[in-house]
PDB file of N, CA and C in Angstrom:
ATOM      1  N   MET A   1       9.968  39.193  15.581  1.00  0.00           N
ATOM      2  CA  MET A   1       9.285  39.378  16.588  1.00  0.00           C
ATOM      3  C   MET A   1       8.489  37.897  16.699  1.00  0.00           C
ATOM      4  N   THR A   2       8.451  37.438  18.084  1.00  0.00           N
ATOM      5  CA  THR A   2       7.780  36.025  17.999  1.00  0.00           C
ATOM      6  C   THR A   2       6.672  36.096  18.908  1.00  0.00           C
ATOM      7  N   ALA A   3       5.438  35.300  18.792  1.00  0.00           N
ATOM      8  CA  ALA A   3       4.199  35.297  19.451  1.00  0.00           C
ATOM      9  C   ALA A   3       4.481  34.993  20.733  1.00  0.00           C
ATOM     10  N   LYS A   4       3.828  35.636  21.909  1.00  0.00           N
ATOM     11  CA  LYS A   4       3.678  35.241  23.151  1.00  0.00           C
ATOM     12  C   LYS A   4       3.889  33.816  23.521  1.00  0.00           C
ATOM     13  N   GLY A   5       4.829  33.123  24.165  1.00  0.00           N
ATOM     14  CA  GLY A   5       4.855  31.728  24.258  1.00  0.00           C
ATOM     15  C   GLY A   5       5.480  30.843  23.284  1.00  0.00           C
ATOM     16  N   ALA A   6       5.998  31.602  22.110  1.00  0.00           N
ATOM     17  CA  ALA A   6       6.748  30.970  21.256  1.00  0.00           C
ATOM     18  C   ALA A   6       8.207  31.211  21.303  1.00  0.00           C
ATOM     19  N   ARG A   7       8.965  30.559  20.908  1.00  0.00           N
ATOM     20  CA  ARG A   7      10.299  30.642  20.497  1.00  0.00           C
ATOM     21  C   ARG A   7      10.853  30.432  19.167  1.00  0.00           C
ATOM     22  N   THR A   8      11.703  30.853  18.515  1.00  0.00           N
ATOM     23  CA  THR A   8      12.476  30.580  17.307  1.00  0.00           C
ATOM     24  C   THR A   8      13.350  29.579  17.463  1.00  0.00           C
ATOM     25  N   ASP A   9      13.196  28.707  16.652  1.00  0.00           N
ATOM     26  CA  ASP A   9      14.253  27.295  16.377  1.00  0.00           C
ATOM     27  C   ASP A   9      15.555  28.130  15.783  1.00  0.00           C
ATOM     28  N   SER A  10      16.651  28.137  16.281  1.00  0.00           N
ATOM     29  CA  SER A  10      17.797  28.852  15.916  1.00  0.00           C
ATOM     30  C   SER A  10      18.268  27.846  14.591  1.00  0.00           C
ATOM     31  N   ALA A  11      18.132  26.687  14.610  1.00  0.00           N
ATOM     32  CA  ALA A  11      18.481  25.686  13.394  1.00  0.00           C
ATOM     33  C   ALA A  11      17.505  25.602  12.033  1.00  0.00           C
ATOM     34  N   THR A  12      15.999  26.021  12.571  1.00  0.00           N
ATOM     35  CA  THR A  12      15.525  25.821  11.327  1.00  0.00           C
ATOM     36  C   THR A  12      14.810  27.569  11.081  1.00  0.00           C
ATOM     37  N   GLY A  13      14.814  28.165  11.759  1.00  0.00           N
ATOM     38  CA  GLY A  13      14.045  29.680  11.911  1.00  0.00           C
ATOM     39  C   GLY A  13      12.696  29.456  12.047  1.00  0.00           C
ATOM     40  N   THR A  14      12.056  28.578  12.507  1.00  0.00           N
ATOM     41  CA  THR A  14      10.615  28.268  12.732  1.00  0.00           C
ATOM     42  C   THR A  14      10.407  28.703  14.113  1.00  0.00           C
ATOM     43  N   GLN A  15       9.021  29.052  14.212  1.00  0.00           N
ATOM     44  CA  GLN A  15       8.730  29.257  15.517  1.00  0.00           C
ATOM     45  C   GLN A  15       8.129  27.817  16.182  1.00  0.00           C
ATOM     46  N   ARG A  16       8.190  27.840  17.394  1.00  0.00           N
ATOM     47  CA  ARG A  16       7.637  26.562  18.039  1.00  0.00           C
ATOM     48  C   ARG A  16       7.082  27.046  19.481  1.00  0.00           C
ATOM     49  N   ALA A  17       5.953  26.587  19.963  1.00  0.00           N
ATOM     50  CA  ALA A  17       5.568  27.018  21.080  1.00  0.00           C
ATOM     51  C   ALA A  17       6.173  26.240  22.434  1.00  0.00           C
ATOM     52  N   GLU A  18       6.462  26.990  23.316  1.00  0.00           N
ATOM     53  CA  GLU A  18       6.696  26.263  24.585  1.00  0.00           C
ATOM     54  C   GLU A  18       5.890  25.564  25.068  1.00  0.00           C
ATOM     55  N   PRO A  19       6.208  24.264  25.848  1.00  0.00           N
ATOM     56  CA  PRO A  19       5.419  23.541  26.465  1.00  0.00           C
ATOM     57  C   PRO A  19       4.639  24.143  27.573  1.00  0.00           C
ATOM     58  N   LYS A  20       3.477  23.751  27.884  1.00  0.00           N
ATOM     59  CA  LYS A  20       2.708  24.271  28.960  1.00  0.00           C
ATOM     60  C   LYS A  20       2.307  23.298  30.111  1.00  0.00           C
ATOM     61  N   ARG A  21       2.538  23.647  31.122  1.00  0.00           N
ATOM     62  CA  ARG A  21       2.243  22.723  32.321  1.00  0.00           C
ATOM     63  C   ARG A  21       0.759  22.897  32.731  1.00  0.00           C
ATOM     64  N   ILE A  22      -0.012  21.683  32.915  1.00  0.00           N
ATOM     65  CA  ILE A  22      -1.239  21.866  33.355  1.00  0.00           C
ATOM     66  C   ILE A  22      -1.551  20.707  34.157  1.00  0.00           C
ATOM     67  N   ASN A  23      -2.364  20.968  35.348  1.00  0.00           N
ATOM     68  CA  ASN A  23      -2.660  19.920  36.365  1.00  0.00           C
ATOM     69  C   ASN A  23      -4.096  19.746  36.076  1.00  0.00           C
ATOM     70  N   VAL A  24      -4.446  18.355  35.759  1.00  0.00           N
ATOM     71  CA  VAL A  24      -6.043  17.954  35.704  1.00  0.00           C
ATOM     72  C   VAL A  24      -6.217  16.673  36.624  1.00  0.00           C
ATOM     73  N   ALA A  25      -7.398  16.518  37.099  1.00  0.00           N
ATOM     74  CA  ALA A  25      -7.888  15.357  37.533  1.00  0.00           C
ATOM     75  C   ALA A  25      -8.456  14.519  36.464  1.00  0.00           C
ATOM     76  N   VAL A  26      -8.265  13.270  36.528  1.00  0.00           N
ATOM     77  CA  VAL A  26      -8.763  12.257  35.383  1.00  0.00           C
ATOM     78  C   VAL A  26      -9.573  11.208  36.093  1.00  0.00           C
ATOM     79  N   SER A  27     -10.373  10.704  35.133  1.00  0.00           N
ATOM     80  CA  SER A  27     -11.109   9.387  35.700  1.00  0.00           C
ATOM     81  C   SER A  27     -10.499   8.225  35.855  1.00  0.00           C
ATOM     82  N   PRO A  28     -10.809   7.181  36.352  1.00  0.00           N
ATOM     83  CA  PRO A  28     -10.239   5.980  36.688  1.00  0.00           C
ATOM     84  C   PRO A  28     -10.158   5.627  35.083  1.00  0.00           C
ATOM     85  N   ASP A  29     -11.098   5.590  34.123  1.00  0.00           N
ATOM     86  CA  ASP A  29     -11.192   5.216  32.826  1.00  0.00           C
ATOM     87  C   ASP A  29      -9.840   5.945  32.051  1.00  0.00           C
ATOM     88  N   THR A  30      -9.799   7.004  32.320  1.00  0.00           N
ATOM     89  CA  THR A  30      -8.608   8.114  31.544  1.00  0.00           C
ATOM     90  C   THR A  30      -7.394   7.109  32.202  1.00  0.00           C
ATOM     91  N   VAL A  31      -7.262   6.916  33.318  1.00  0.00           N
ATOM     92  CA  VAL A  31      -6.124   6.412  34.156  1.00  0.00           C
ATOM     93  C   VAL A  31      -5.590   5.249  33.499  1.00  0.00           C
ATOM     94  N   ARG A  32      -6.682   4.111  33.274  1.00  0.00           N
ATOM     95  CA  ARG A  32      -6.401   2.884  32.404  1.00  0.00           C
ATOM     96  C   ARG A  32      -6.245   2.919  31.226  1.00  0.00           C
ATOM     97  N   ALA A  33      -6.642   3.974  30.288  1.00  0.00           N
ATOM     98  CA  ALA A  33      -6.283   4.401  28.862  1.00  0.00           C
ATOM     99  C   ALA A  33      -4.806   4.722  28.939  1.00  0.00           C
ATOM    100  N   LEU A  34      -4.458   5.512  29.715  1.00  0.00           N
ATOM    101  CA  LEU A  34      -2.825   5.923  29.820  1.00  0.00           C
ATOM    102  C   LEU A  34      -2.213   4.479  30.216  1.00  0.00           C
ATOM    103  N   GLU A  35      -2.394   4.086  31.154  1.00  0.00           N
ATOM    104  CA  GLU A  35      -1.485   2.727  31.555  1.00  0.00           C
ATOM    105  C   GLU A  35      -1.382   1.556  30.402  1.00  0.00           C
ATOM    106  N   ASN A  36      -2.588   1.653  29.724  1.00  0.00           N
ATOM    107  CA  ASN A  36      -2.559   0.663  28.474  1.00  0.00           C
ATOM    108  C   ASN A  36      -1.572   1.090  27.532  1.00  0.00           C
ATOM    109  N   VAL A  37      -1.499   2.332  27.083  1.00  0.00           N
ATOM    110  CA  VAL A  37      -0.607   3.009  26.262  1.00  0.00           C
ATOM    111  C   VAL A  37       0.615   2.888  26.647  1.00  0.00           C
ATOM    112  N   ILE A  38       0.987   3.274  27.900  1.00  0.00           N
ATOM    113  CA  ILE A  38       2.265   3.249  28.728  1.00  0.00           C
ATOM    114  C   ILE A  38       2.812   1.548  28.420  1.00  0.00           C
ATOM    115  N   GLU A  39       1.952   0.705  28.885  1.00  0.00           N
ATOM    116  CA  GLU A  39       2.364  -1.002  28.767  1.00  0.00           C
ATOM    117  C   GLU A  39       2.787  -1.458  27.376  1.00  0.00           C
ATOM    118  N   ARG A  40       1.674  -1.292  26.515  1.00  0.00           N
ATOM    119  CA  ARG A  40       1.679  -1.456  25.054  1.00  0.00           C
ATOM    120  C   ARG A  40       2.839  -0.728  24.185  1.00  0.00           C
ATOM    121  N   GLU A  41       3.123   0.363  24.575  1.00  0.00           N
ATOM    122  CA  GLU A  41       4.199   1.205  23.668  1.00  0.00           C
ATOM    123  C   GLU A  41       5.242   1.509  24.471  1.00  0.00           C
ATOM    124  N   GLY A  42       5.581   1.136  25.785  1.00  0.00           N
ATOM    125  CA  GLY A  42       6.773   1.445  26.618  1.00  0.00           C
ATOM    126  C   GLY A  42       7.312   2.761  26.518  1.00  0.00           C
ATOM    127  N   VAL A  43       6.267   3.735  26.583  1.00  0.00           N
ATOM    128  CA  VAL A  43       6.594   5.234  26.502  1.00  0.00           C
ATOM    129  C   VAL A  43       6.205   5.599  28.085  1.00  0.00           C
ATOM    130  N   THR A  44       6.710   6.926  28.351  1.00  0.00           N
ATOM    131  CA  THR A  44       6.402   7.577  29.712  1.00  0.00           C
ATOM    132  C   THR A  44       4.760   7.997  29.605  1.00  0.00           C
ATOM    133  N   LEU A  45       4.577   8.251  30.912  1.00  0.00           N
ATOM    134  CA  LEU A  45       3.227   8.979  30.915  1.00  0.00           C
ATOM    135  C   LEU A  45       2.954  10.297  30.299  1.00  0.00           C
ATOM    136  N   THR A  46       3.995  10.909  30.198  1.00  0.00           N
ATOM    137  CA  THR A  46       3.908  12.490  29.451  1.00  0.00           C
ATOM    138  C   THR A  46       3.562  12.127  27.898  1.00  0.00           C
ATOM    139  N   GLU A  47       4.313  11.016  27.460  1.00  0.00           N
ATOM    140  CA  GLU A  47       4.327  10.649  25.844  1.00  0.00           C
ATOM    141  C   GLU A  47       2.801   9.759  25.768  1.00  0.00           C
ATOM    142  N   ALA A  48       2.232   9.093  26.686  1.00  0.00           N
ATOM    143  CA  ALA A  48       1.179   8.430  26.570  1.00  0.00           C
ATOM    144  C   ALA A  48      -0.019   9.418  26.367  1.00  0.00           C
ATOM    145  N   LEU A  49       0.104  10.542  27.206  1.00  0.00           N
ATOM    146  CA  LEU A  49      -1.015  11.507  26.994  1.00  0.00           C
ATOM    147  C   LEU A  49      -1.010  12.319  25.920  1.00  0.00           C
ATOM    148  N   ARG A  50       0.483  12.649  25.422  1.00  0.00           N
ATOM    149  CA  ARG A  50       0.521  13.149  24.227  1.00  0.00           C
ATOM    150  C   ARG A  50      -0.238  12.626  23.144  1.00  0.00           C
ATOM    151  N   ARG A  51       0.025  11.193  23.191  1.00  0.00           N
ATOM    152  CA  ARG A  51      -0.540  10.476  22.170  1.00  0.00           C
ATOM    153  C   ARG A  51      -1.879  10.253  22.127  1.00  0.00           C
ATOM    154  N   LEU A  52      -2.688  10.197  23.157  1.00  0.00           N
ATOM    155  CA  LEU A  52      -4.044   9.776  23.382  1.00  0.00           C
ATOM    156  C   LEU A  52      -4.825  11.160  22.841  1.00  0.00           C
ATOM    157  N   ILE A  53      -3.889  12.491  23.324  1.00  0.00           N
ATOM    158  CA  ILE A  53      -4.617  13.521  22.937  1.00  0.00           C
ATOM    159  C   ILE A  53      -4.489  13.951  21.482  1.00  0.00           C
ATOM    160  N   GLY A  54      -3.475  13.421  20.906  1.00  0.00           N
ATOM    161  CA  GLY A  54      -3.566  13.600  19.449  1.00  0.00           C
ATOM    162  C   GLY A  54      -4.403  12.882  18.754  1.00  0.00           C
ATOM    163  N   TYR A  55      -4.695  11.605  19.118  1.00  0.00           N
ATOM    164  CA  TYR A  55      -5.620  10.626  18.622  1.00  0.00           C
ATOM    165  C   TYR A  55      -7.043  11.043  18.700  1.00  0.00           C
ATOM    166  N   GLY A  56      -7.139  11.694  19.813  1.00  0.00           N
ATOM    167  CA  GLY A  56      -8.778  12.209  20.112  1.00  0.00           C
ATOM    168  C   GLY A  56      -8.839  13.458  19.238  1.00  0.00           C
ATOM    169  N   ASP A  57      -7.794  14.350  18.882  1.00  0.00           N
ATOM    170  CA  ASP A  57      -7.822  15.541  18.374  1.00  0.00           C
ATOM    171  C   ASP A  57      -8.116  15.286  16.907  1.00  0.00           C
ATOM    172  N   PHE A  58      -7.418  14.178  16.328  1.00  0.00           N
ATOM    173  CA  PHE A  58      -7.655  13.838  15.067  1.00  0.00           C
ATOM    174  C   PHE A  58      -9.082  13.242  14.886  1.00  0.00           C
ATOM    175  N   VAL A  59      -9.627  12.368  15.586  1.00  0.00           N
ATOM    176  CA  VAL A  59     -10.853  11.864  15.281  1.00  0.00           C
ATOM    177  C   VAL A  59     -11.924  13.003  15.407  1.00  0.00           C
ATOM    178  N   TYR A  60     -11.823  13.789  16.468  1.00  0.00           N
ATOM    179  CA  TYR A  60     -12.711  14.902  16.760  1.00  0.00           C
ATOM    180  C   TYR A  60     -12.700  16.049  15.780  1.00  0.00           C
ATOM    181  N   ARG A  61     -11.614  16.292  15.089  1.00  0.00           N
ATOM    182  CA  ARG A  61     -11.556  17.140  13.964  1.00  0.00           C
ATOM    183  C   ARG A  61     -12.258  16.536  12.815  1.00  0.00           C
ATOM    184  N   ALA A  62     -12.009  15.231  12.488  1.00  0.00           N
ATOM    185  CA  ALA A  62     -12.456  14.613  11.366  1.00  0.00           C
ATOM    186  C   ALA A  62     -14.201  14.613  11.523  1.00  0.00           C
ATOM    187  N   VAL A  63     -14.527  14.477  12.640  1.00  0.00           N
ATOM    188  CA  VAL A  63     -16.076  14.292  12.628  1.00  0.00           C
ATOM    189  C   VAL A  63     -16.521  15.676  12.854  1.00  0.00           C
ATOM    190  N   ARG A  64     -16.318  16.328  13.811  1.00  0.00           N
ATOM    191  CA  ARG A  64     -16.817  17.587  14.134  1.00  0.00           C
ATOM    192  C   ARG A  64     -16.573  18.721  12.932  1.00  0.00           C
ATOM    193  N   GLU A  65     -15.360  19.004  12.456  1.00  0.00           N
ATOM    194  CA  GLU A  65     -15.148  19.942  11.978  1.00  0.00           C
ATOM    195  C   GLU A  65     -15.166  19.742  10.346  1.00  0.00           C
ATOM    196  N   ASN A  66     -14.693  18.537   9.790  1.00  0.00           N
ATOM    197  CA  ASN A  66     -14.976  18.130   8.621  1.00  0.00           C
ATOM    198  C   ASN A  66     -16.073  17.179   8.023  1.00  0.00           C
ATOM    199  N   ASN A  67     -16.865  17.127   9.045  1.00  0.00           N
ATOM    200  CA  ASN A  67     -18.036  16.171   8.788  1.00  0.00           C
ATOM    201  C   ASN A  67     -17.641  14.785   8.189  1.00  0.00           C
ATOM    202  N   GLU A  68     -16.595  14.160   8.629  1.00  0.00           N
ATOM    203  CA  GLU A  68     -16.283  13.013   7.750  1.00  0.00           C
ATOM    204  C   GLU A  68     -16.749  11.814   8.480  1.00  0.00           C
ATOM    205  N   GLN A  69     -16.928  10.627   8.043  1.00  0.00           N
ATOM    206  CA  GLN A  69     -17.290   9.536   8.714  1.00  0.00           C
ATOM    207  C   GLN A  69     -16.126   8.635   8.893  1.00  0.00           C
ATOM    208  N   LEU A  70     -15.818   8.262  10.435  1.00  0.00           N
ATOM    209  CA  LEU A  70     -14.804   7.148  10.709  1.00  0.00           C
ATOM    210  C   LEU A  70     -15.071   6.011  11.022  1.00  0.00           C
ATOM    211  N   MET A  71     -14.460   4.942  10.240  1.00  0.00           N
ATOM    212  CA  MET A  71     -15.173   3.428  10.354  1.00  0.00           C
ATOM    213  C   MET A  71     -13.698   2.880  11.009  1.00  0.00           C
ATOM    214  N   VAL A  72     -14.030   1.934  11.919  1.00  0.00           N
ATOM    215  CA  VAL A  72     -12.974   0.882  12.522  1.00  0.00           C
ATOM    216  C   VAL A  72     -13.200  -0.399  12.039  1.00  0.00           C
ATOM    217  N   LYS A  73     -12.389  -0.933  11.415  1.00  0.00           N
ATOM    218  CA  LYS A  73     -12.684  -1.886  10.489  1.00  0.00           C
ATOM    219  C   LYS A  73     -11.908  -3.159  11.192  1.00  0.00           C
ATOM    220  N   GLY A  74     -12.356  -4.184  11.668  1.00  0.00           N
ATOM    221  CA  GLY A  74     -11.782  -5.214  12.297  1.00  0.00           C
ATOM    222  C   GLY A  74     -12.006  -6.394  11.113  1.00  0.00           C
ATOM    223  N   GLU A  75     -11.353  -7.684  11.749  1.00  0.00           N
ATOM    224  CA  GLU A  75     -11.177  -8.885  10.916  1.00  0.00           C
ATOM    225  C   GLU A  75     -12.594  -9.370  10.520  1.00  0.00           C
ATOM    226  N   GLU A  76     -13.545  -9.239  11.505  1.00  0.00           N
ATOM    227  CA  GLU A  76     -14.866  -9.756  11.211  1.00  0.00           C
ATOM    228  C   GLU A  76     -15.915  -8.877  11.477  1.00  0.00           C
ATOM    229  N   SER A  77     -15.690  -7.378  11.811  1.00  0.00           N
ATOM    230  CA  SER A  77     -16.771  -6.322  11.506  1.00  0.00           C
ATOM    231  C   SER A  77     -16.228  -5.163  11.431  1.00  0.00           C
ATOM    232  N   THR A  78     -17.111  -4.271  10.869  1.00  0.00           N
ATOM    233  CA  THR A  78     -16.935  -2.519  10.722  1.00  0.00           C
ATOM    234  C   THR A  78     -17.814  -1.968  11.779  1.00  0.00           C
ATOM    235  N   ARG A  79     -17.363  -0.963  12.569  1.00  0.00           N
ATOM    236  CA  ARG A  79     -18.008   0.171  13.307  1.00  0.00           C
ATOM    237  C   ARG A  79     -17.771   1.392  12.917  1.00  0.00           C
ATOM    238  N   GLU A  80     -18.802   2.200  13.004  1.00  0.00           N
ATOM    239  CA  GLU A  80     -18.818   3.589  12.582  1.00  0.00           C
ATOM    240  C   GLU A  80     -18.507   4.213  14.008  1.00  0.00           C
ATOM    241  N   VAL A  81     -17.324   5.353  14.065  1.00  0.00           N
ATOM    242  CA  VAL A  81     -17.228   5.990  15.336  1.00  0.00           C
ATOM    243  C   VAL A  81     -17.940   7.259  15.159  1.00  0.00           C
ATOM    244  N   VAL A  82     -18.836   7.431  16.434  1.00  0.00           N
ATOM    245  CA  VAL A  82     -19.717   8.655  16.528  1.00  0.00           C
ATOM    246  C   VAL A  82     -19.375   9.247  17.896  1.00  0.00           C
ATOM    247  N   ILE A  83     -19.399  10.669  17.451  1.00  0.00           N
ATOM    248  CA  ILE A  83     -19.292  11.715  18.665  1.00  0.00           C
ATOM    249  C   ILE A  83     -20.477  12.244  18.693  1.00  0.00           C
ATOM    250  N   LEU A  84     -20.869  12.297  20.228  1.00  0.00           N
ATOM    251  CA  LEU A  84     -22.061  12.922  20.468  1.00  0.00           C
ATOM    252  C   LEU A  84     -21.933  14.224  21.014  1.00  0.00           C
TER     253      LEU A  84
END
């Protein structure tokens, strides 16, 4: 038996969720962020969106769920990531 919206992969026997289509309105800043990833990494809009959501989820969970500090270290400075 599989969960609703999940399918069992015949090769591995593991469950994987079916992709879900969503329609959203995004801000111009979000469009620019997506375009930046598309241009720099040579990926599709869908893949750029997946990557940015994945990065955001990683940061969000680290700060909000695990109470961790995230630091962005450059050549000349270090900044702390703060989520309000």
